[in-house]
Amino acid sequence: MDIKNNNNSPLTPNPGSFITGNGAKPLGGTAPSEAHLYVAESDEYFVKMKTTFTVPSIPTDTAGNYYLYLWPGLQSAKLGIFQPVLAFHSTYPSWYLHTYAIAPKGSSTPHQQGADYDVAVGTELTGVIELTQKTDNAYTYKVSFEGYPEATSCSQTWELPATIAWQYIENYYVTKRTQFPQEDTLLMKDILLVTNKGTLINLPWKSSTPKMVYTNKKVILPYWNQ
C-alpha cells in the first residue's frame, strides 16, 4: 500500500488538546465525548492497547473550518499521550489516519507523528499502542494502525509509563449535529488492555459523558453529546 493522503496540513489544534490543555476550547462548540480508565496501582502501567472501530460517514455539512478526531489513547501522569487518530477536517474533507505521540509536559522531546493516509467510509481500523522497549526511566511506545505502512506509525520515549487509557470523540469548532457523522454513536470494540501485570478483564470505564455506554471490551460514544 502507498501513502495516499495529500492533506499534509498540520492538525490545529492537535488531537488530545482537551486533555493536555494545549488547545483552544471550541467557540460555541460541543463538549468531547469520552471514556477513560485509571490504573490505580502505583506500580502498574500499560504495555499494550488495541481498539477496533469503523470509519463513519462523511458529515452532511462540511462548511466552515472544523475538526473531528476519533481515537483510543494512552496517557502518562505528566500529560503525554499516544494516539492512533482517525481525523476529519471540513476543508479537506475526507477521513484519514494520523498517529500522534505528544510529549509530556516539561519534556524537551518533540512531538512525533506518522504520515497521513486516506481511508474510505466503512473501513474497519485497529489502532495499536505498544511498549516496545523499557530501560530504567525510559519507556518507548509505538503507535500504529494494523495493516498500514510503517510510515504511518510513530514512536516516542517517556521517563514515565502510560497509566491512563482513553476512548475519545474530540471535536473543535463544531456547532451543530450535521457536522458530525450521520451515525448516532461510535463503537469502540474488541478493546485489549494489557499492563505489566497482565490483561485487564473487567474494565471500569468512567466518563463525564452521560450518554456513554460500555461493557467489557466495548465502549459506545455518542457523537452529539448534548
Protein backbone atom coordinates (compact mmCIF):
# COMPACT_ATOMS: atom_id res chain seq x y z
CA MET A 1 0.00 0.00 0.00
CA ASP A 2 1.17 3.52 -0.71
CA ILE A 3 0.72 6.67 1.31
CA LYS A 4 -2.42 8.17 -0.20
CA ASN A 5 -3.30 11.29 1.67
CA ASN A 6 -2.01 14.63 0.40
CA ASN A 7 -3.66 16.74 3.08
CA ASN A 8 -0.35 17.40 4.86
CA SER A 9 -1.71 20.44 6.66
CA PRO A 10 -0.93 20.44 10.39
CA LEU A 11 -3.77 19.43 12.65
CA THR A 12 -4.70 22.55 14.61
CA PRO A 13 -5.35 22.12 17.43
CA ASN A 14 -3.53 18.85 17.98
CA PRO A 15 -5.56 15.79 18.92
CA GLY A 16 -5.56 15.41 22.70
CA SER A 17 -5.61 19.14 23.34
CA PHE A 18 -8.67 18.81 25.59
CA ILE A 19 -6.65 16.53 27.84
CA THR A 20 -3.26 18.22 27.70
CA GLY A 21 -4.72 21.72 27.92
CA ASN A 22 -2.91 22.95 24.81
CA GLY A 23 -5.89 23.59 22.58
CA ALA A 24 -8.47 26.33 22.18
CA LYS A 25 -11.87 25.48 23.58
CA PRO A 26 -14.27 25.24 20.64
CA LEU A 27 -16.10 28.53 20.40
CA GLY A 28 -19.80 27.72 20.69
CA GLY A 29 -18.96 24.08 20.13
CA THR A 30 -19.83 20.80 21.81
CA ALA A 31 -18.12 19.00 24.66
CA PRO A 32 -15.98 15.98 23.76
CA SER A 33 -17.44 12.52 24.17
CA GLU A 34 -15.05 10.35 26.17
CA ALA A 35 -14.44 7.34 28.36
CA HIS A 36 -11.34 6.92 30.48
CA LEU A 37 -9.78 4.27 32.68
CA TYR A 38 -7.34 4.85 35.51
CA VAL A 39 -4.95 2.13 36.61
CA ALA A 40 -4.96 2.71 40.36
CA GLU A 41 -1.98 0.62 41.48
CA SER A 42 1.16 2.72 41.72
CA ASP A 43 3.36 0.01 40.21
CA GLU A 44 1.05 -0.82 37.28
CA TYR A 45 1.32 0.63 33.79
CA PHE A 46 0.14 -0.18 30.27
CA VAL A 47 2.24 -2.21 27.87
CA LYS A 48 -0.35 -2.59 25.09
CA MET A 49 -3.68 -1.23 23.90
CA LYS A 50 -5.73 -2.25 20.87
CA THR A 51 -9.09 -0.85 19.77
CA THR A 52 -11.10 -1.60 16.63
CA PHE A 53 -13.57 0.87 15.13
CA THR A 54 -15.14 1.64 11.75
CA VAL A 55 -14.68 4.75 9.63
CA PRO A 56 -18.03 6.56 9.86
CA SER A 57 -19.95 8.52 7.24
CA ILE A 58 -18.90 11.94 5.99
CA PRO A 59 -20.81 14.72 7.79
CA THR A 60 -23.55 16.23 5.66
CA ASP A 61 -22.41 19.77 6.49
CA THR A 62 -18.75 20.40 5.62
CA ALA A 63 -18.95 24.19 5.55
CA GLY A 64 -16.65 26.19 7.76
CA ASN A 65 -13.41 25.07 9.36
CA TYR A 66 -13.89 22.38 12.00
CA TYR A 67 -12.05 19.24 13.14
CA LEU A 68 -13.10 15.78 14.30
CA TYR A 69 -10.68 13.36 15.94
CA LEU A 70 -11.69 9.79 16.84
CA TRP A 71 -9.13 7.86 18.83
CA PRO A 72 -8.13 5.46 21.58
CA GLY A 73 -5.14 6.64 23.58
CA LEU A 74 -2.71 6.06 26.42
CA GLN A 75 -1.62 8.91 28.69
CA SER A 76 1.11 9.43 31.27
CA ALA A 77 0.80 11.22 34.60
CA LYS A 78 2.65 14.17 33.04
CA LEU A 79 0.06 14.52 30.24
CA GLY A 80 1.99 12.91 27.45
CA ILE A 81 -0.37 10.98 25.18
CA PHE A 82 -0.16 8.38 22.41
CA GLN A 83 -2.99 8.31 19.85
CA PRO A 84 -3.85 6.38 16.68
CA VAL A 85 -6.21 9.07 15.34
CA LEU A 86 -8.89 8.95 12.66
CA ALA A 87 -9.09 12.60 11.62
CA PHE A 88 -11.53 14.72 9.62
CA HIS A 89 -11.04 18.36 8.60
CA SER A 90 -14.02 20.02 6.96
CA THR A 91 -11.85 21.85 4.42
CA TYR A 92 -10.38 18.59 3.08
CA PRO A 93 -12.94 16.78 3.51
CA SER A 94 -12.11 13.09 3.96
CA TRP A 95 -11.25 10.73 6.79
CA TYR A 96 -7.55 9.96 7.19
CA LEU A 97 -5.24 8.21 9.65
CA HIS A 98 -2.82 10.28 11.69
CA THR A 99 -0.80 8.72 14.53
CA TYR A 100 0.44 11.05 17.26
CA ALA A 101 2.92 10.95 20.16
CA ILE A 102 2.52 14.10 22.25
CA ALA A 103 5.47 14.64 24.58
CA PRO A 104 4.77 15.02 28.32
CA LYS A 105 4.74 18.47 29.87
CA GLY A 106 8.21 19.74 30.65
CA SER A 107 9.84 17.39 28.15
CA SER A 108 12.35 18.61 25.58
CA THR A 109 11.36 15.73 23.29
CA PRO A 110 9.49 17.00 20.20
CA HIS A 111 6.07 15.64 19.29
CA GLN A 112 6.11 12.81 16.77
CA GLN A 113 3.56 11.89 14.12
CA GLY A 114 3.10 9.42 11.30
CA ALA A 115 2.30 10.14 7.67
CA ASP A 116 -1.35 10.72 6.76
CA TYR A 117 -3.27 8.02 4.93
CA ASP A 118 -6.75 8.34 3.39
CA VAL A 119 -9.31 5.75 4.45
CA ALA A 120 -12.75 5.05 2.98
CA VAL A 121 -16.04 5.15 4.83
CA GLY A 122 -16.83 1.69 6.22
CA THR A 123 -13.19 0.62 6.63
CA GLU A 124 -12.54 -1.27 9.86
CA LEU A 125 -9.47 0.04 11.68
CA THR A 126 -7.45 -1.33 14.58
CA GLY A 127 -5.32 1.19 16.42
CA VAL A 128 -2.41 -0.15 18.45
CA ILE A 129 -0.17 1.37 21.12
CA GLU A 130 2.59 -0.89 22.41
CA LEU A 131 5.57 -0.64 24.74
CA THR A 132 8.48 -1.74 22.54
CA GLN A 133 11.42 -1.07 24.84
CA LYS A 134 11.95 -0.39 28.53
CA THR A 135 15.04 0.56 30.48
CA ASP A 136 15.43 2.45 33.76
CA ASN A 137 13.25 5.59 33.49
CA ALA A 138 12.79 5.13 29.74
CA TYR A 139 9.60 3.73 28.19
CA THR A 140 9.38 3.61 24.40
CA TYR A 141 5.93 3.20 22.88
CA LYS A 142 4.95 2.73 19.23
CA VAL A 143 1.63 4.00 17.80
CA SER A 144 0.25 2.38 14.65
CA PHE A 145 -2.74 1.09 12.72
CA GLU A 146 -2.65 -2.62 11.89
CA GLY A 147 -2.05 -3.35 8.20
CA TYR A 148 -0.95 0.15 7.20
CA PRO A 149 2.51 1.27 6.02
CA GLU A 150 5.25 1.73 8.59
CA ALA A 151 5.48 5.40 7.64
CA THR A 152 2.04 5.96 9.18
CA SER A 153 3.32 4.93 12.63
CA CYS A 154 5.37 6.87 15.18
CA SER A 155 7.28 6.25 18.41
CA GLN A 156 8.39 8.19 21.45
CA THR A 157 10.28 7.56 24.70
CA TRP A 158 9.00 8.84 28.05
CA GLU A 159 10.51 8.93 31.53
CA LEU A 160 7.19 7.77 32.97
CA PRO A 161 4.99 4.99 31.55
CA ALA A 162 1.39 5.24 30.34
CA THR A 163 -1.13 4.77 33.16
CA ILE A 164 -4.44 6.13 31.78
CA ALA A 165 -6.42 4.75 28.83
CA TRP A 166 -8.94 6.72 26.75
CA GLN A 167 -11.62 6.19 24.11
CA TYR A 168 -12.45 9.57 22.65
CA ILE A 169 -14.50 11.67 20.22
CA GLU A 170 -12.73 15.03 20.16
CA ASN A 171 -14.07 17.98 18.19
CA TYR A 172 -13.16 21.60 17.61
CA TYR A 173 -15.39 24.38 16.30
CA VAL A 174 -18.32 22.02 15.75
CA THR A 175 -21.57 23.88 16.42
CA LYS A 176 -24.31 21.63 15.04
CA ARG A 177 -25.30 17.99 14.73
CA THR A 178 -24.87 17.87 10.94
CA GLN A 179 -21.12 18.49 11.34
CA PHE A 180 -20.78 15.07 12.94
CA PRO A 181 -21.11 11.73 11.11
CA GLN A 182 -24.67 10.69 10.35
CA GLU A 183 -24.48 7.71 12.75
CA ASP A 184 -25.66 8.31 16.31
CA THR A 185 -22.70 6.68 18.03
CA LEU A 186 -19.13 5.47 17.60
CA LEU A 187 -18.48 1.86 18.62
CA MET A 188 -15.01 1.18 20.01
CA LYS A 189 -14.85 -2.62 20.23
CA ASP A 190 -12.54 -5.59 20.85
CA ILE A 191 -10.64 -3.39 23.30
CA LEU A 192 -7.49 -5.06 24.59
CA LEU A 193 -5.65 -3.50 27.52
CA VAL A 194 -2.53 -5.17 28.87
CA THR A 195 -0.50 -3.93 31.82
CA ASN A 196 2.82 -5.12 33.18
CA LYS A 197 0.72 -7.38 35.44
CA GLY A 198 -1.37 -8.94 32.67
CA THR A 199 -4.50 -8.44 30.59
CA LEU A 200 -7.30 -6.39 32.17
CA ILE A 201 -10.54 -8.38 32.14
CA ASN A 202 -13.18 -6.18 33.77
CA LEU A 203 -12.68 -2.63 32.54
CA PRO A 204 -14.09 0.00 34.93
CA TRP A 205 -14.51 2.79 32.38
CA LYS A 206 -15.55 6.20 33.69
CA SER A 207 -16.96 9.17 31.79
CA SER A 208 -18.32 12.69 32.05
CA THR A 209 -20.47 11.81 29.02
CA PRO A 210 -23.94 10.88 30.35
CA LYS A 211 -24.88 9.02 27.16
CA MET A 212 -21.76 6.86 27.09
CA VAL A 213 -22.44 3.11 27.32
CA TYR A 214 -19.84 0.44 27.99
CA THR A 215 -19.49 -3.26 28.58
CA ASN A 216 -16.32 -5.27 28.92
CA LYS A 217 -14.15 -4.69 25.81
CA LYS A 218 -16.66 -2.26 24.25
CA VAL A 219 -17.37 1.47 24.56
CA ILE A 220 -20.21 3.25 22.74
CA LEU A 221 -19.74 7.03 22.48
CA PRO A 222 -22.40 9.47 21.20
CA TYR A 223 -21.41 11.95 18.51
CA TRP A 224 -23.93 14.55 19.64
CA ASN A 225 -23.22 14.77 23.35
CA GLN A 226 -25.99 17.18 24.33
